[in-house]
N, C-alpha and C. Protein backbone atom coordinates (compact mmCIF):
# COMPACT_ATOMS: atom_id res chain seq x y z
N MET A 1 63.09 -33.45 23.11
CA MET A 1 63.99 -34.40 24.20
C MET A 1 64.93 -33.36 24.79
N TYR A 2 64.97 -33.58 26.17
CA TYR A 2 65.89 -32.71 26.90
C TYR A 2 67.34 -33.52 26.85
N ILE A 3 68.38 -32.76 26.49
CA ILE A 3 69.62 -33.19 26.46
C ILE A 3 70.28 -33.09 28.11
N CYS A 4 70.03 -31.86 28.52
CA CYS A 4 70.50 -31.52 29.70
C CYS A 4 69.38 -31.13 30.65
N VAL A 5 69.05 -31.93 31.66
CA VAL A 5 67.93 -31.83 32.54
C VAL A 5 68.29 -30.73 33.47
N CYS A 6 69.59 -30.55 34.15
CA CYS A 6 69.92 -29.69 34.93
C CYS A 6 69.64 -28.27 34.60
N ASN A 7 69.76 -27.86 33.26
CA ASN A 7 69.65 -26.61 32.72
C ASN A 7 68.63 -26.36 31.74
N ALA A 8 67.68 -27.58 31.68
CA ALA A 8 66.51 -27.61 30.72
C ALA A 8 66.87 -27.14 29.36
N VAL A 9 67.92 -27.81 28.76
CA VAL A 9 68.49 -27.65 27.32
C VAL A 9 67.74 -28.84 26.59
N THR A 10 67.31 -28.34 25.43
CA THR A 10 66.51 -29.50 24.58
C THR A 10 67.59 -29.69 23.53
N GLU A 11 67.29 -30.92 22.65
CA GLU A 11 67.84 -31.26 21.66
C GLU A 11 67.85 -30.15 20.32
N ARG A 12 66.61 -29.59 20.39
CA ARG A 12 66.33 -28.57 19.41
C ARG A 12 67.34 -27.25 19.49
N GLN A 13 67.57 -26.95 20.82
CA GLN A 13 68.41 -25.87 21.10
C GLN A 13 69.93 -26.25 20.90
N VAL A 14 70.46 -27.41 21.19
CA VAL A 14 71.59 -27.88 20.68
C VAL A 14 71.87 -27.86 19.23
N ARG A 15 70.72 -28.58 18.52
CA ARG A 15 70.89 -28.45 17.13
C ARG A 15 71.15 -27.17 16.40
N ALA A 16 70.24 -26.26 17.00
CA ALA A 16 70.17 -24.88 16.56
C ALA A 16 71.54 -24.17 16.71
N SER A 17 72.11 -24.35 18.06
CA SER A 17 73.53 -23.87 18.19
C SER A 17 74.59 -24.44 17.56
N VAL A 18 74.48 -25.75 17.09
CA VAL A 18 75.54 -26.28 16.07
C VAL A 18 75.44 -25.68 14.80
N ASP A 19 74.25 -25.53 14.49
CA ASP A 19 73.91 -24.76 13.16
C ASP A 19 74.39 -23.58 13.24
N ALA A 20 74.36 -22.73 14.34
CA ALA A 20 74.72 -21.49 14.19
C ALA A 20 76.37 -21.27 14.50
N GLY A 21 76.96 -22.23 14.49
CA GLY A 21 78.49 -22.24 14.47
C GLY A 21 79.13 -23.01 15.67
N ALA A 22 78.46 -23.60 16.64
CA ALA A 22 79.35 -24.19 17.86
C ALA A 22 80.04 -25.41 17.19
N SER A 23 81.16 -25.64 17.44
CA SER A 23 81.77 -26.92 17.17
C SER A 23 82.61 -27.62 18.08
N THR A 24 82.33 -27.08 19.39
CA THR A 24 83.05 -27.80 20.44
C THR A 24 82.26 -27.96 21.70
N LEU A 25 82.42 -28.78 22.53
CA LEU A 25 81.54 -28.70 23.74
C LEU A 25 81.63 -27.63 24.64
N SER A 26 82.75 -26.98 24.59
CA SER A 26 82.98 -25.80 25.15
C SER A 26 81.93 -24.48 24.70
N ASP A 27 81.93 -24.61 23.33
CA ASP A 27 80.88 -23.60 22.64
C ASP A 27 79.60 -23.76 23.21
N LEU A 28 79.24 -25.04 23.20
CA LEU A 28 77.72 -25.41 23.77
C LEU A 28 77.59 -25.18 25.39
N GLN A 29 78.66 -25.29 26.17
CA GLN A 29 78.53 -25.10 27.38
C GLN A 29 78.65 -23.35 27.59
N PHE A 30 79.14 -22.61 26.77
CA PHE A 30 79.07 -21.18 26.90
C PHE A 30 77.70 -20.64 26.40
N GLU A 31 77.22 -21.11 25.44
CA GLU A 31 76.02 -20.62 24.74
C GLU A 31 74.65 -21.18 25.26
N LEU A 32 74.77 -22.54 25.87
CA LEU A 32 73.64 -23.06 26.43
C LEU A 32 73.67 -23.53 27.75
N GLY A 33 74.90 -23.59 28.23
CA GLY A 33 74.78 -24.26 29.71
C GLY A 33 75.00 -25.63 29.62
N VAL A 34 75.09 -26.38 28.56
CA VAL A 34 75.10 -27.76 28.74
C VAL A 34 76.43 -28.47 29.37
N ALA A 35 76.07 -29.29 30.33
CA ALA A 35 77.17 -30.04 30.99
C ALA A 35 77.90 -29.05 31.92
N THR A 36 77.18 -28.12 32.60
CA THR A 36 77.85 -27.01 33.52
C THR A 36 77.47 -27.50 34.85
N CYS A 37 76.54 -28.42 35.10
CA CYS A 37 76.20 -28.77 36.46
C CYS A 37 76.79 -30.04 36.95
N CYS A 38 75.91 -31.04 36.59
CA CYS A 38 76.56 -32.38 36.87
C CYS A 38 77.42 -33.15 35.92
N GLY A 39 77.38 -32.58 34.62
CA GLY A 39 78.20 -33.25 33.78
C GLY A 39 77.58 -34.61 33.03
N CYS A 40 76.62 -34.99 33.43
CA CYS A 40 76.12 -36.34 32.74
C CYS A 40 75.68 -36.24 31.39
N CYS A 41 75.29 -35.06 30.84
CA CYS A 41 75.04 -34.87 29.57
C CYS A 41 76.19 -34.56 28.54
N ALA A 42 77.22 -34.51 29.10
CA ALA A 42 78.50 -34.16 28.27
C ALA A 42 78.52 -34.97 27.00
N ALA A 43 78.63 -36.24 27.24
CA ALA A 43 78.75 -37.24 25.95
C ALA A 43 77.52 -37.06 25.15
N THR A 44 76.50 -36.91 25.54
CA THR A 44 75.34 -36.93 24.58
C THR A 44 75.35 -35.59 23.82
N ALA A 45 75.53 -34.36 24.63
CA ALA A 45 75.64 -33.14 23.77
C ALA A 45 76.87 -33.07 22.70
N ALA A 46 77.64 -33.93 22.90
CA ALA A 46 78.91 -33.94 22.03
C ALA A 46 78.45 -34.73 20.79
N GLU A 47 77.61 -35.68 20.77
CA GLU A 47 77.32 -36.30 19.62
C GLU A 47 76.52 -35.57 18.52
N TYR A 48 75.96 -34.28 19.04
CA TYR A 48 75.46 -33.60 18.23
C TYR A 48 76.29 -32.41 17.56
N LEU A 49 77.65 -32.58 17.83
CA LEU A 49 78.64 -31.50 17.31
C LEU A 49 78.94 -32.25 15.83
N PRO A 50 79.59 -31.47 14.99
CA PRO A 50 80.09 -31.82 13.75
C PRO A 50 81.07 -33.01 13.74
N GLY A 51 80.65 -34.12 13.16
CA GLY A 51 81.22 -35.52 13.33
C GLY A 51 80.88 -36.38 14.08
N GLY A 52 79.78 -35.87 15.11
CA GLY A 52 79.27 -36.77 16.05
C GLY A 52 78.21 -37.57 15.37
N ARG A 53 77.65 -38.63 16.08
CA ARG A 53 76.74 -39.63 15.81
C ARG A 53 75.22 -38.91 15.24
N CYS A 54 74.97 -37.91 15.95
CA CYS A 54 73.68 -37.47 15.83
C CYS A 54 73.70 -35.91 14.85
N SER A 55 74.97 -35.62 14.40
CA SER A 55 75.30 -34.55 13.71
C SER A 55 74.47 -34.21 12.51
N SER A 56 74.04 -35.32 11.83
CA SER A 56 73.15 -35.23 10.55
C SER A 56 71.95 -35.85 10.55
N VAL A 57 71.36 -36.13 11.63
CA VAL A 57 70.23 -36.93 11.81
C VAL A 57 69.18 -36.25 11.09
N CYS A 58 68.91 -34.86 11.46
CA CYS A 58 67.87 -34.12 11.13
C CYS A 58 68.46 -32.56 10.72
N ASP A 59 67.60 -32.02 10.00
CA ASP A 59 68.05 -30.51 9.47
C ASP A 59 67.13 -29.58 10.55
N VAL A 60 67.84 -28.70 11.19
CA VAL A 60 67.09 -27.46 11.98
C VAL A 60 66.88 -26.48 10.96
N ARG A 61 65.55 -25.94 10.82
CA ARG A 61 65.48 -24.65 10.19
C ARG A 61 64.68 -23.79 10.92
N SER A 62 64.95 -22.59 10.80
CA SER A 62 64.44 -21.48 11.46
C SER A 62 62.73 -21.23 10.90
N ILE A 63 62.03 -21.27 12.06
CA ILE A 63 60.52 -20.92 11.58
C ILE A 63 60.25 -19.56 11.73
N ALA A 64 61.19 -18.72 11.90
CA ALA A 64 61.04 -17.21 11.98
C ALA A 64 60.08 -16.67 10.76
N VAL A 65 59.28 -16.04 11.00
CA VAL A 65 58.28 -15.30 9.89
C VAL A 65 58.53 -13.85 10.05
N PRO A 66 58.92 -13.32 8.77
CA PRO A 66 59.08 -11.67 8.62
C PRO A 66 57.70 -10.92 9.27
N VAL A 67 57.86 -10.00 9.87
CA VAL A 67 56.75 -9.11 10.12
C VAL A 67 56.67 -7.72 9.45
N ASN A 68 55.46 -7.34 9.20
CA ASN A 68 55.39 -6.31 8.42
C ASN A 68 55.52 -5.10 9.42
N THR A 69 56.25 -4.07 8.99
CA THR A 69 56.57 -2.85 9.84
C THR A 69 55.47 -1.98 9.85
N PRO A 70 55.03 -1.62 11.15
CA PRO A 70 53.83 -0.68 11.39
C PRO A 70 54.28 0.66 10.57
N ALA A 71 53.25 1.52 10.32
CA ALA A 71 53.49 2.62 9.55
C ALA A 71 54.20 3.54 10.62
N ALA A 72 53.84 3.70 11.70
CA ALA A 72 54.51 4.56 12.64
C ALA A 72 55.94 4.34 12.79
N VAL A 73 56.50 3.26 12.66
CA VAL A 73 58.05 2.84 12.72
C VAL A 73 58.53 3.38 11.43
N ALA A 74 57.61 2.82 10.42
CA ALA A 74 58.41 3.16 8.98
C ALA A 74 58.61 4.63 8.89
N ASP A 75 57.65 5.49 9.15
CA ASP A 75 58.12 6.93 8.86
C ASP A 75 57.79 7.83 10.41
N PRO A 76 58.76 8.07 10.89
CA PRO A 76 58.40 8.54 12.39
C PRO A 76 57.97 10.04 12.23
N ASP A 77 58.12 10.76 11.11
CA ASP A 77 57.42 12.00 11.05
C ASP A 77 55.93 12.06 10.72
N VAL A 78 55.27 10.89 10.26
CA VAL A 78 53.80 10.90 10.10
C VAL A 78 53.42 9.98 11.14
N PRO A 79 52.39 10.70 11.87
CA PRO A 79 51.95 10.05 13.10
C PRO A 79 50.72 9.14 12.63
N ALA A 80 50.57 7.70 13.23
CA ALA A 80 49.88 6.81 12.89
C ALA A 80 48.72 6.81 13.60
N ALA A 81 47.40 6.52 13.38
CA ALA A 81 46.24 6.44 14.11
C ALA A 81 46.24 5.23 15.25
N ASN A 82 45.97 5.23 16.53
CA ASN A 82 46.00 4.36 17.42
C ASN A 82 47.23 3.79 17.72
N THR A 83 48.19 4.56 17.91
CA THR A 83 49.50 4.40 18.12
C THR A 83 49.79 4.79 19.67
N PHE A 84 50.90 4.33 20.43
CA PHE A 84 51.28 4.67 21.84
C PHE A 84 52.58 5.48 21.43
N PRO A 85 52.94 6.41 22.32
CA PRO A 85 52.13 6.68 23.65
C PRO A 85 51.17 7.72 23.36
N VAL A 86 50.05 7.42 24.40
CA VAL A 86 48.92 8.18 24.20
C VAL A 86 49.34 9.66 24.87
N PRO A 87 48.89 10.79 24.35
CA PRO A 87 49.11 12.15 24.95
C PRO A 87 48.27 12.23 26.05
N LEU A 88 48.86 12.75 27.11
CA LEU A 88 48.04 13.03 28.37
C LEU A 88 47.58 14.36 28.44
N VAL A 89 46.08 14.41 29.09
CA VAL A 89 45.58 15.66 28.89
C VAL A 89 45.19 16.17 30.31
N ALA A 90 45.53 17.32 30.69
CA ALA A 90 45.17 17.76 32.01
C ALA A 90 43.95 18.07 32.14
N VAL A 91 43.10 17.71 33.44
CA VAL A 91 41.95 18.00 33.69
C VAL A 91 41.75 19.11 34.78
N ALA A 92 40.97 20.24 34.43
CA ALA A 92 40.96 21.23 35.28
C ALA A 92 39.94 21.10 36.42
């Protein structure tokens, strides 16, 4: 659901920002741009702050998945097959 239509800020973004430490409307305005245009969303965004009506409705969890490091990055002294940059060869 969009909280701020002017700046296309979603409920998920607001919850993530609060989970990351935003505790005031000024924090949300700085990080996401909420309520910086027309201001109609200020009251709704404030409900997601700690102590607000929506602050404990659901838990936001990161869906980030660790990525395996390619061999070329893991050991820069050992060239890996099929990596970039590709050496250029002059044609006579």
